[in-house]
Amino acid sequence: MTALTSAEISLPAEADGQRVSDRIAVLADTVDVVGLTDNHAGQPRMSPLAAVALAREQGVGTIVHVSCRDRNRLALQSQVVGAAALGAEGVLCMQGDPVAGVDHVADMTATELIARAPGWSVPHSLAVGAVVNPFAEDLDRELRLLQRKVAAGATFVQSQMVFDLPRLEAFLARGEDMLAGVRVYASVALLRSERMAQRACALPGVTIPEPALAQIRRGGGIELARELAAGLARVSRVDALHVFPLGAEAATREVAAEFRVTRGINSRRR
């Protein structure tokens, strides 16, 4: 999977396929693939498998998110088989954040899922991805976990949202050997208010430096994302940009275009 830009589609809780199609349509000329979330934020939402066909209608590739939190191994295998059969380009394997009052199934770890997914997708070929947190408090532990995921067969990794380019570069330098041949998607988020920034900071590994937080407070969250996208395009170890639109799909086009242009590529995919 050689996508240059991707964006996450947070699927709705309602059976509203048109809403999903509309979100994808806004992004179709700028991003190569869309990531289809799996009960994002611990809320029951439309299955990402239902959204694969909606994206394919618009010529956009798909990465289906698969969370170990909510499924035993039978259900995980079913999800991977379904993604492959529907023509998804890849799956992003993750543990899933715990949800208060909801049992965590934990029948398989994300690393085990990564190892099993390629066999489950036969005769189709799926890119198998993992999440990585370059800003974790214990970076040695994070690097050990990353090494296990790559050894299990991860072919791409998607980072936690980035606000500190030097810290990201330092992490990628430490992991350079293990990431050889693995595509790195660095993520930016479109935080458009202080409340959104506070919610982001509650996520594991997310710290927003004060200058960036002040820019968000002033209403400059989109411009911040564009600046970060341009900065990430200059990081040689970053292969692609991933955007968390958080409801701002139209602005996502600007951010993705910033990355593409800085990389010397056409601002539009088509």
C-alpha atoms as a PDB file:
ATOM      1  CA  MET A   1       0.000   0.000   0.000  1.00  0.00           C
ATOM      2  CA  THR A   2       1.714   3.165  -1.208  1.00  0.00           C
ATOM      3  CA  ALA A   3      -0.773   5.862  -0.239  1.00  0.00           C
ATOM      4  CA  LEU A   4       0.651   9.343   0.286  1.00  0.00           C
ATOM      5  CA  THR A   5      -2.287  10.786   2.226  1.00  0.00           C
ATOM      6  CA  SER A   6      -5.067   9.236   4.250  1.00  0.00           C
ATOM      7  CA  ALA A   7      -7.876  10.465   6.457  1.00  0.00           C
ATOM      8  CA  GLU A   8      -9.983   8.883   9.147  1.00  0.00           C
ATOM      9  CA  ILE A   9     -13.740   8.648   8.764  1.00  0.00           C
ATOM     10  CA  SER A  10     -15.504   8.494  12.113  1.00  0.00           C
ATOM     11  CA  LEU A  11     -18.553   6.430  11.338  1.00  0.00           C
ATOM     12  CA  PRO A  12     -21.963   7.487  12.678  1.00  0.00           C
ATOM     13  CA  ALA A  13     -23.998   5.751  15.357  1.00  0.00           C
ATOM     14  CA  GLU A  14     -27.042   5.885  13.057  1.00  0.00           C
ATOM     15  CA  ALA A  15     -27.718   3.777   9.955  1.00  0.00           C
ATOM     16  CA  ASP A  16     -26.956   6.751   7.722  1.00  0.00           C
ATOM     17  CA  GLY A  17     -25.010   5.588   4.684  1.00  0.00           C
ATOM     18  CA  GLN A  18     -25.519   8.865   2.845  1.00  0.00           C
ATOM     19  CA  ARG A  19     -23.734  10.745   5.603  1.00  0.00           C
ATOM     20  CA  VAL A  20     -20.714   8.479   5.205  1.00  0.00           C
ATOM     21  CA  SER A  21     -20.789   8.802   1.416  1.00  0.00           C
ATOM     22  CA  ASP A  22     -20.893  12.589   1.711  1.00  0.00           C
ATOM     23  CA  ARG A  23     -17.870  12.633   4.024  1.00  0.00           C
ATOM     24  CA  ILE A  24     -15.877  10.425   1.689  1.00  0.00           C
ATOM     25  CA  ALA A  25     -16.906  12.466  -1.367  1.00  0.00           C
ATOM     26  CA  VAL A  26     -15.353  15.600   0.118  1.00  0.00           C
ATOM     27  CA  LEU A  27     -12.023  13.794   0.495  1.00  0.00           C
ATOM     28  CA  ALA A  28     -12.003  11.691  -2.666  1.00  0.00           C
ATOM     29  CA  ASP A  29      -9.840  13.995  -4.784  1.00  0.00           C
ATOM     30  CA  THR A  30      -7.190  14.587  -2.109  1.00  0.00           C
ATOM     31  CA  VAL A  31      -6.634  11.444  -0.030  1.00  0.00           C
ATOM     32  CA  ASP A  32      -5.595   8.052  -1.370  1.00  0.00           C
ATOM     33  CA  VAL A  33      -7.262   5.992   1.337  1.00  0.00           C
ATOM     34  CA  VAL A  34      -9.750   6.473   4.149  1.00  0.00           C
ATOM     35  CA  GLY A  35      -9.468   4.783   7.518  1.00  0.00           C
ATOM     36  CA  LEU A  36     -12.811   3.392   8.668  1.00  0.00           C
ATOM     37  CA  THR A  37     -13.071   3.442  12.440  1.00  0.00           C
ATOM     38  CA  ASP A  38     -14.208   0.568  14.640  1.00  0.00           C
ATOM     39  CA  ASN A  39     -16.548   1.776  17.406  1.00  0.00           C
ATOM     40  CA  HIS A  40     -14.534   4.966  17.705  1.00  0.00           C
ATOM     41  CA  ALA A  41     -14.312   6.474  21.211  1.00  0.00           C
ATOM     42  CA  GLY A  42     -15.876   3.333  22.646  1.00  0.00           C
ATOM     43  CA  GLN A  43     -19.287   4.108  21.170  1.00  0.00           C
ATOM     44  CA  PRO A  44     -21.369   1.657  19.079  1.00  0.00           C
ATOM     45  CA  ARG A  45     -21.190   2.859  15.501  1.00  0.00           C
ATOM     46  CA  MET A  46     -21.733   1.672  11.943  1.00  0.00           C
ATOM     47  CA  SER A  47     -19.552  -1.308  11.036  1.00  0.00           C
ATOM     48  CA  PRO A  48     -16.513  -0.266   8.990  1.00  0.00           C
ATOM     49  CA  LEU A  49     -17.284  -3.142   6.616  1.00  0.00           C
ATOM     50  CA  ALA A  50     -20.511  -1.391   5.642  1.00  0.00           C
ATOM     51  CA  ALA A  51     -18.503   1.671   4.649  1.00  0.00           C
ATOM     52  CA  VAL A  52     -15.992  -0.139   2.411  1.00  0.00           C
ATOM     53  CA  ALA A  53     -18.427  -0.387  -0.471  1.00  0.00           C
ATOM     54  CA  LEU A  54     -19.415   3.274  -0.064  1.00  0.00           C
ATOM     55  CA  ALA A  55     -15.768   4.309  -0.448  1.00  0.00           C
ATOM     56  CA  ARG A  56     -15.125   2.019  -3.393  1.00  0.00           C
ATOM     57  CA  GLU A  57     -18.013   3.636  -5.255  1.00  0.00           C
ATOM     58  CA  GLN A  58     -15.985   6.862  -5.171  1.00  0.00           C
ATOM     59  CA  GLY A  59     -12.654   5.300  -6.111  1.00  0.00           C
ATOM     60  CA  VAL A  60     -11.065   5.684  -2.682  1.00  0.00           C
ATOM     61  CA  GLY A  61      -9.065   2.914  -1.027  1.00  0.00           C
ATOM     62  CA  THR A  62      -9.935   1.777   2.480  1.00  0.00           C
ATOM     63  CA  ILE A  63      -8.189   0.727   5.656  1.00  0.00           C
ATOM     64  CA  VAL A  64     -10.557  -1.125   7.983  1.00  0.00           C
ATOM     65  CA  HIS A  65      -9.822  -0.630  11.676  1.00  0.00           C
ATOM     66  CA  VAL A  66     -10.094  -3.811  13.752  1.00  0.00           C
ATOM     67  CA  SER A  67     -10.203  -3.541  17.543  1.00  0.00           C
ATOM     68  CA  CYS A  68      -9.420  -6.491  19.801  1.00  0.00           C
ATOM     69  CA  ARG A  69     -11.336  -4.779  22.581  1.00  0.00           C
ATOM     70  CA  ASP A  70     -14.753  -5.774  21.298  1.00  0.00           C
ATOM     71  CA  ARG A  71     -14.278  -9.200  19.701  1.00  0.00           C
ATOM     72  CA  ASN A  72     -13.122 -12.735  20.363  1.00  0.00           C
ATOM     73  CA  ARG A  73     -10.915 -14.433  17.775  1.00  0.00           C
ATOM     74  CA  LEU A  74     -13.864 -15.788  15.782  1.00  0.00           C
ATOM     75  CA  ALA A  75     -15.288 -12.309  15.343  1.00  0.00           C
ATOM     76  CA  LEU A  76     -11.846 -10.852  14.596  1.00  0.00           C
ATOM     77  CA  GLN A  77     -11.281 -13.408  11.856  1.00  0.00           C
ATOM     78  CA  SER A  78     -14.718 -12.672  10.433  1.00  0.00           C
ATOM     79  CA  GLN A  79     -13.903  -8.954  10.315  1.00  0.00           C
ATOM     80  CA  VAL A  80     -10.606  -9.509   8.491  1.00  0.00           C
ATOM     81  CA  VAL A  81     -12.163 -11.964   6.024  1.00  0.00           C
ATOM     82  CA  GLY A  82     -14.958  -9.488   5.322  1.00  0.00           C
ATOM     83  CA  ALA A  83     -12.524  -6.631   4.747  1.00  0.00           C
ATOM     84  CA  ALA A  84     -10.520  -8.727   2.279  1.00  0.00           C
ATOM     85  CA  ALA A  85     -13.598  -9.985   0.448  1.00  0.00           C
ATOM     86  CA  LEU A  86     -14.946  -6.445   0.024  1.00  0.00           C
ATOM     87  CA  GLY A  87     -11.671  -5.229  -1.494  1.00  0.00           C
ATOM     88  CA  ALA A  88     -10.207  -3.189   1.348  1.00  0.00           C
ATOM     89  CA  GLU A  89      -6.555  -2.284   0.880  1.00  0.00           C
ATOM     90  CA  GLY A  90      -5.616  -3.012   4.465  1.00  0.00           C
ATOM     91  CA  VAL A  91      -6.527  -3.465   8.096  1.00  0.00           C
ATOM     92  CA  LEU A  92      -5.269  -1.456  11.059  1.00  0.00           C
ATOM     93  CA  CYS A  93      -4.952  -3.731  14.069  1.00  0.00           C
ATOM     94  CA  MET A  94      -5.334  -2.197  17.519  1.00  0.00           C
ATOM     95  CA  GLN A  95      -6.159  -3.164  21.064  1.00  0.00           C
ATOM     96  CA  GLY A  96      -8.737  -0.444  21.602  1.00  0.00           C
ATOM     97  CA  ASP A  97      -8.976   1.916  24.554  1.00  0.00           C
ATOM     98  CA  PRO A  98     -10.868   0.601  27.589  1.00  0.00           C
ATOM     99  CA  VAL A  99     -14.462   1.778  28.044  1.00  0.00           C
ATOM    100  CA  ALA A 100     -15.932   2.302  31.485  1.00  0.00           C
ATOM    101  CA  GLY A 101     -18.670  -0.206  32.275  1.00  0.00           C
ATOM    102  CA  VAL A 102     -17.976  -2.370  29.200  1.00  0.00           C
ATOM    103  CA  ASP A 103     -16.040  -5.620  29.405  1.00  0.00           C
ATOM    104  CA  HIS A 104     -12.821  -5.745  27.384  1.00  0.00           C
ATOM    105  CA  VAL A 105     -12.859  -9.045  25.467  1.00  0.00           C
ATOM    106  CA  ALA A 106      -9.056  -9.284  25.080  1.00  0.00           C
ATOM    107  CA  ASP A 107      -9.140 -12.737  23.476  1.00  0.00           C
ATOM    108  CA  MET A 108      -6.205 -11.739  21.260  1.00  0.00           C
ATOM    109  CA  THR A 109      -3.601  -9.008  21.441  1.00  0.00           C
ATOM    110  CA  ALA A 110      -3.097  -6.593  18.572  1.00  0.00           C
ATOM    111  CA  THR A 111       0.265  -8.254  17.897  1.00  0.00           C
ATOM    112  CA  GLU A 112      -1.391 -11.667  17.597  1.00  0.00           C
ATOM    113  CA  LEU A 113      -4.007 -10.190  15.272  1.00  0.00           C
ATOM    114  CA  ILE A 114      -1.268  -8.722  13.076  1.00  0.00           C
ATOM    115  CA  ALA A 115       0.322 -12.154  12.784  1.00  0.00           C
ATOM    116  CA  ARG A 116      -2.940 -13.906  11.902  1.00  0.00           C
ATOM    117  CA  ALA A 117      -4.499 -11.365   9.535  1.00  0.00           C
ATOM    118  CA  PRO A 118      -2.499 -12.188   6.363  1.00  0.00           C
ATOM    119  CA  GLY A 119      -3.491 -15.855   6.526  1.00  0.00           C
ATOM    120  CA  TRP A 120      -7.113 -15.023   7.169  1.00  0.00           C
ATOM    121  CA  SER A 121      -7.292 -12.729   4.114  1.00  0.00           C
ATOM    122  CA  VAL A 122      -6.202 -15.413   1.588  1.00  0.00           C
ATOM    123  CA  PRO A 123      -6.638 -15.451  -1.396  1.00  0.00           C
ATOM    124  CA  HIS A 124      -6.611 -11.659  -1.176  1.00  0.00           C
ATOM    125  CA  SER A 125      -3.665  -9.609   0.004  1.00  0.00           C
ATOM    126  CA  LEU A 126      -4.157  -7.055   2.764  1.00  0.00           C
ATOM    127  CA  ALA A 127      -1.669  -4.539   4.062  1.00  0.00           C
ATOM    128  CA  VAL A 128      -1.556  -5.061   7.827  1.00  0.00           C
ATOM    129  CA  GLY A 129      -0.978  -2.045  10.024  1.00  0.00           C
ATOM    130  CA  ALA A 130      -0.259  -1.213  13.644  1.00  0.00           C
ATOM    131  CA  VAL A 131      -0.616   1.883  15.777  1.00  0.00           C
ATOM    132  CA  VAL A 132       2.410   3.439  17.458  1.00  0.00           C
ATOM    133  CA  ASN A 133       2.771   6.191  20.031  1.00  0.00           C
ATOM    134  CA  PRO A 134       6.048   8.123  19.542  1.00  0.00           C
ATOM    135  CA  PHE A 135       5.207  10.258  22.576  1.00  0.00           C
ATOM    136  CA  ALA A 136       4.616   7.515  25.132  1.00  0.00           C
ATOM    137  CA  GLU A 137       5.958   8.105  28.625  1.00  0.00           C
ATOM    138  CA  ASP A 138       7.995   4.888  28.438  1.00  0.00           C
ATOM    139  CA  LEU A 139       9.616   5.018  25.004  1.00  0.00           C
ATOM    140  CA  ASP A 140      11.707   1.910  25.592  1.00  0.00           C
ATOM    141  CA  ARG A 141       8.529  -0.087  26.184  1.00  0.00           C
ATOM    142  CA  GLU A 142       6.896   1.477  23.115  1.00  0.00           C
ATOM    143  CA  LEU A 143       9.879   0.549  20.953  1.00  0.00           C
ATOM    144  CA  ARG A 144       9.826  -3.032  22.242  1.00  0.00           C
ATOM    145  CA  LEU A 145       6.118  -3.244  21.440  1.00  0.00           C
ATOM    146  CA  LEU A 146       6.733  -1.778  17.975  1.00  0.00           C
ATOM    147  CA  GLN A 147       9.459  -4.339  17.355  1.00  0.00           C
ATOM    148  CA  ARG A 148       7.070  -7.176  18.220  1.00  0.00           C
ATOM    149  CA  LYS A 149       4.403  -5.766  15.899  1.00  0.00           C
ATOM    150  CA  VAL A 150       6.835  -5.431  12.996  1.00  0.00           C
ATOM    151  CA  ALA A 151       8.201  -8.930  13.646  1.00  0.00           C
ATOM    152  CA  ALA A 152       4.612 -10.213  13.588  1.00  0.00           C
ATOM    153  CA  GLY A 153       4.157  -8.802  10.086  1.00  0.00           C
ATOM    154  CA  ALA A 154       3.034  -5.170  10.271  1.00  0.00           C
ATOM    155  CA  THR A 155       3.752  -3.498   6.924  1.00  0.00           C
ATOM    156  CA  PHE A 156       2.692   0.011   7.958  1.00  0.00           C
ATOM    157  CA  VAL A 157       2.342   1.940  11.197  1.00  0.00           C
ATOM    158  CA  GLN A 158       0.107   4.870  12.057  1.00  0.00           C
ATOM    159  CA  SER A 159       1.260   7.288  14.721  1.00  0.00           C
ATOM    160  CA  GLN A 160      -0.603   9.021  17.475  1.00  0.00           C
ATOM    161  CA  MET A 161      -1.417  12.647  16.565  1.00  0.00           C
ATOM    162  CA  VAL A 162       1.749  14.726  16.224  1.00  0.00           C
ATOM    163  CA  PHE A 163       2.344  18.155  17.729  1.00  0.00           C
ATOM    164  CA  ASP A 164       6.100  17.924  18.387  1.00  0.00           C
ATOM    165  CA  LEU A 165       8.163  17.266  15.254  1.00  0.00           C
ATOM    166  CA  PRO A 166      11.567  16.964  16.993  1.00  0.00           C
ATOM    167  CA  ARG A 167      10.216  14.287  19.376  1.00  0.00           C
ATOM    168  CA  LEU A 168       8.749  12.377  16.462  1.00  0.00           C
ATOM    169  CA  GLU A 169      12.042  12.531  14.565  1.00  0.00           C
ATOM    170  CA  ALA A 170      13.943  11.337  17.627  1.00  0.00           C
ATOM    171  CA  PHE A 171      11.602   8.356  18.005  1.00  0.00           C
ATOM    172  CA  LEU A 172      11.854   7.446  14.330  1.00  0.00           C
ATOM    173  CA  ALA A 173      15.630   7.666  14.513  1.00  0.00           C
ATOM    174  CA  ARG A 174      15.657   5.214  17.423  1.00  0.00           C
ATOM    175  CA  GLY A 175      13.356   2.855  15.542  1.00  0.00           C
ATOM    176  CA  GLU A 176      15.011   3.294  12.148  1.00  0.00           C
ATOM    177  CA  ASP A 177      16.396  -0.235  11.825  1.00  0.00           C
ATOM    178  CA  MET A 178      13.187  -2.020  12.808  1.00  0.00           C
ATOM    179  CA  LEU A 179      11.125   0.255  10.537  1.00  0.00           C
ATOM    180  CA  ALA A 180      13.127  -0.537   7.421  1.00  0.00           C
ATOM    181  CA  GLY A 181      10.571  -1.528   4.790  1.00  0.00           C
ATOM    182  CA  VAL A 182       7.634  -0.401   6.962  1.00  0.00           C
ATOM    183  CA  ARG A 183       5.603   2.610   5.820  1.00  0.00           C
ATOM    184  CA  VAL A 184       5.181   5.299   8.461  1.00  0.00           C
ATOM    185  CA  TYR A 185       1.959   7.328   8.524  1.00  0.00           C
ATOM    186  CA  ALA A 186       2.350  10.408  10.738  1.00  0.00           C
ATOM    187  CA  SER A 187      -0.926  11.833  12.021  1.00  0.00           C
ATOM    188  CA  VAL A 188      -2.249  15.345  12.478  1.00  0.00           C
ATOM    189  CA  ALA A 189      -5.578  16.313  14.010  1.00  0.00           C
ATOM    190  CA  LEU A 190      -7.843  19.226  13.153  1.00  0.00           C
ATOM    191  CA  LEU A 191      -8.472  20.650  16.615  1.00  0.00           C
ATOM    192  CA  ARG A 192     -10.647  23.711  16.245  1.00  0.00           C
ATOM    193  CA  SER A 193     -11.363  24.675  19.849  1.00  0.00           C
ATOM    194  CA  GLU A 194      -9.831  24.505  23.306  1.00  0.00           C
ATOM    195  CA  ARG A 195     -12.395  21.872  24.262  1.00  0.00           C
ATOM    196  CA  MET A 196     -11.269  19.632  21.402  1.00  0.00           C
ATOM    197  CA  ALA A 197      -7.663  20.150  22.467  1.00  0.00           C
ATOM    198  CA  GLN A 198      -8.496  19.173  26.047  1.00  0.00           C
ATOM    199  CA  ARG A 199     -10.208  16.005  24.868  1.00  0.00           C
ATOM    200  CA  ALA A 200      -7.176  15.173  22.728  1.00  0.00           C
ATOM    201  CA  CYS A 201      -4.845  15.663  25.676  1.00  0.00           C
ATOM    202  CA  ALA A 202      -6.839  13.055  27.606  1.00  0.00           C
ATOM    203  CA  LEU A 203      -5.690  10.424  25.083  1.00  0.00           C
ATOM    204  CA  PRO A 204      -2.589   8.336  25.844  1.00  0.00           C
ATOM    205  CA  GLY A 205       0.582   9.993  24.624  1.00  0.00           C
ATOM    206  CA  VAL A 206      -0.980  13.279  23.500  1.00  0.00           C
ATOM    207  CA  THR A 207       0.685  16.414  24.791  1.00  0.00           C
ATOM    208  CA  ILE A 208       0.096  19.726  23.056  1.00  0.00           C
ATOM    209  CA  PRO A 209       2.890  22.294  23.570  1.00  0.00           C
ATOM    210  CA  GLU A 210       1.704  25.635  24.919  1.00  0.00           C
ATOM    211  CA  PRO A 211       2.390  27.624  21.704  1.00  0.00           C
ATOM    212  CA  ALA A 212       0.291  25.135  19.716  1.00  0.00           C
ATOM    213  CA  LEU A 213      -2.441  25.213  22.359  1.00  0.00           C
ATOM    214  CA  ALA A 214      -2.479  29.023  22.241  1.00  0.00           C
ATOM    215  CA  GLN A 215      -2.827  28.896  18.457  1.00  0.00           C
ATOM    216  CA  ILE A 216      -5.802  26.539  18.776  1.00  0.00           C
ATOM    217  CA  ARG A 217      -7.415  28.859  21.353  1.00  0.00           C
ATOM    218  CA  ARG A 218      -7.094  31.746  18.874  1.00  0.00           C
ATOM    219  CA  GLY A 219      -8.995  29.734  16.273  1.00  0.00           C
ATOM    220  CA  GLY A 220      -5.883  28.699  14.366  1.00  0.00           C
ATOM    221  CA  GLY A 221      -6.250  24.944  14.649  1.00  0.00           C
ATOM    222  CA  ILE A 222      -6.560  24.370  10.910  1.00  0.00           C
ATOM    223  CA  GLU A 223      -3.528  26.531  10.169  1.00  0.00           C
ATOM    224  CA  LEU A 224      -1.601  24.616  12.843  1.00  0.00           C
ATOM    225  CA  ALA A 225      -2.495  21.343  11.129  1.00  0.00           C
ATOM    226  CA  ARG A 226      -1.300  22.735   7.793  1.00  0.00           C
ATOM    227  CA  GLU A 227       1.979  23.837   9.354  1.00  0.00           C
ATOM    228  CA  LEU A 228       2.473  20.416  10.915  1.00  0.00           C
ATOM    229  CA  ALA A 229       1.617  18.687   7.620  1.00  0.00           C
ATOM    230  CA  ALA A 230       4.232  20.749   5.809  1.00  0.00           C
ATOM    231  CA  GLY A 231       6.766  19.985   8.541  1.00  0.00           C
ATOM    232  CA  LEU A 232       6.035  16.264   8.372  1.00  0.00           C
ATOM    233  CA  ALA A 233       6.500  16.322   4.599  1.00  0.00           C
ATOM    234  CA  ARG A 234      10.095  17.405   5.229  1.00  0.00           C
ATOM    235  CA  VAL A 235      10.808  14.465   7.559  1.00  0.00           C
ATOM    236  CA  SER A 236      12.484  11.840   5.420  1.00  0.00           C
ATOM    237  CA  ARG A 237      11.410   8.943   7.657  1.00  0.00           C
ATOM    238  CA  VAL A 238       7.717   9.867   7.255  1.00  0.00           C
ATOM    239  CA  ASP A 239       6.206   8.139   4.235  1.00  0.00           C
ATOM    240  CA  ALA A 240       2.638   9.427   4.378  1.00  0.00           C
ATOM    241  CA  LEU A 241       0.277  11.773   6.193  1.00  0.00           C
ATOM    242  CA  HIS A 242      -2.776  10.627   8.117  1.00  0.00           C
ATOM    243  CA  VAL A 243      -5.415  13.198   9.112  1.00  0.00           C
ATOM    244  CA  PHE A 244      -7.986  13.050  11.897  1.00  0.00           C
ATOM    245  CA  PRO A 245     -10.667  15.419  10.486  1.00  0.00           C
ATOM    246  CA  LEU A 246     -12.872  15.285  13.596  1.00  0.00           C
ATOM    247  CA  GLY A 247     -15.779  16.507  11.505  1.00  0.00           C
ATOM    248  CA  ALA A 248     -13.835  18.976   9.339  1.00  0.00           C
ATOM    249  CA  GLU A 249     -13.562  17.005   6.113  1.00  0.00           C
ATOM    250  CA  ALA A 250     -13.440  20.120   3.912  1.00  0.00           C
ATOM    251  CA  ALA A 251     -10.437  21.496   5.810  1.00  0.00           C
ATOM    252  CA  THR A 252      -8.799  18.075   5.615  1.00  0.00           C
ATOM    253  CA  ARG A 253      -8.422  18.624   1.888  1.00  0.00           C
ATOM    254  CA  GLU A 254      -6.296  21.722   2.589  1.00  0.00           C
ATOM    255  CA  VAL A 255      -4.109  19.893   5.076  1.00  0.00           C
ATOM    256  CA  ALA A 256      -3.579  16.881   2.829  1.00  0.00           C
ATOM    257  CA  ALA A 257      -2.813  19.173  -0.104  1.00  0.00           C
ATOM    258  CA  GLU A 258      -0.200  20.986   2.004  1.00  0.00           C
ATOM    259  CA  PHE A 259       1.622  17.706   2.588  1.00  0.00           C
ATOM    260  CA  ARG A 260       1.405  16.704  -1.061  1.00  0.00           C
ATOM    261  CA  VAL A 261       2.656  20.038  -2.399  1.00  0.00           C
ATOM    262  CA  THR A 262       5.533  20.188   0.096  1.00  0.00           C
ATOM    263  CA  ARG A 263       6.504  16.699  -1.070  1.00  0.00           C
ATOM    264  CA  GLY A 264       6.520  17.986  -4.641  1.00  0.00           C
ATOM    265  CA  ILE A 265       3.380  16.087  -5.638  1.00  0.00           C
ATOM    266  CA  ASN A 266       0.182  17.360  -7.208  1.00  0.00           C
ATOM    267  CA  SER A 267      -2.148  18.853  -4.597  1.00  0.00           C
ATOM    268  CA  ARG A 268      -4.987  16.691  -5.910  1.00  0.00           C
ATOM    269  CA  ARG A 269      -4.995  12.936  -6.296  1.00  0.00           C
ATOM    270  CA  ARG A 270      -7.023  13.157  -9.477  1.00  0.00           C
END
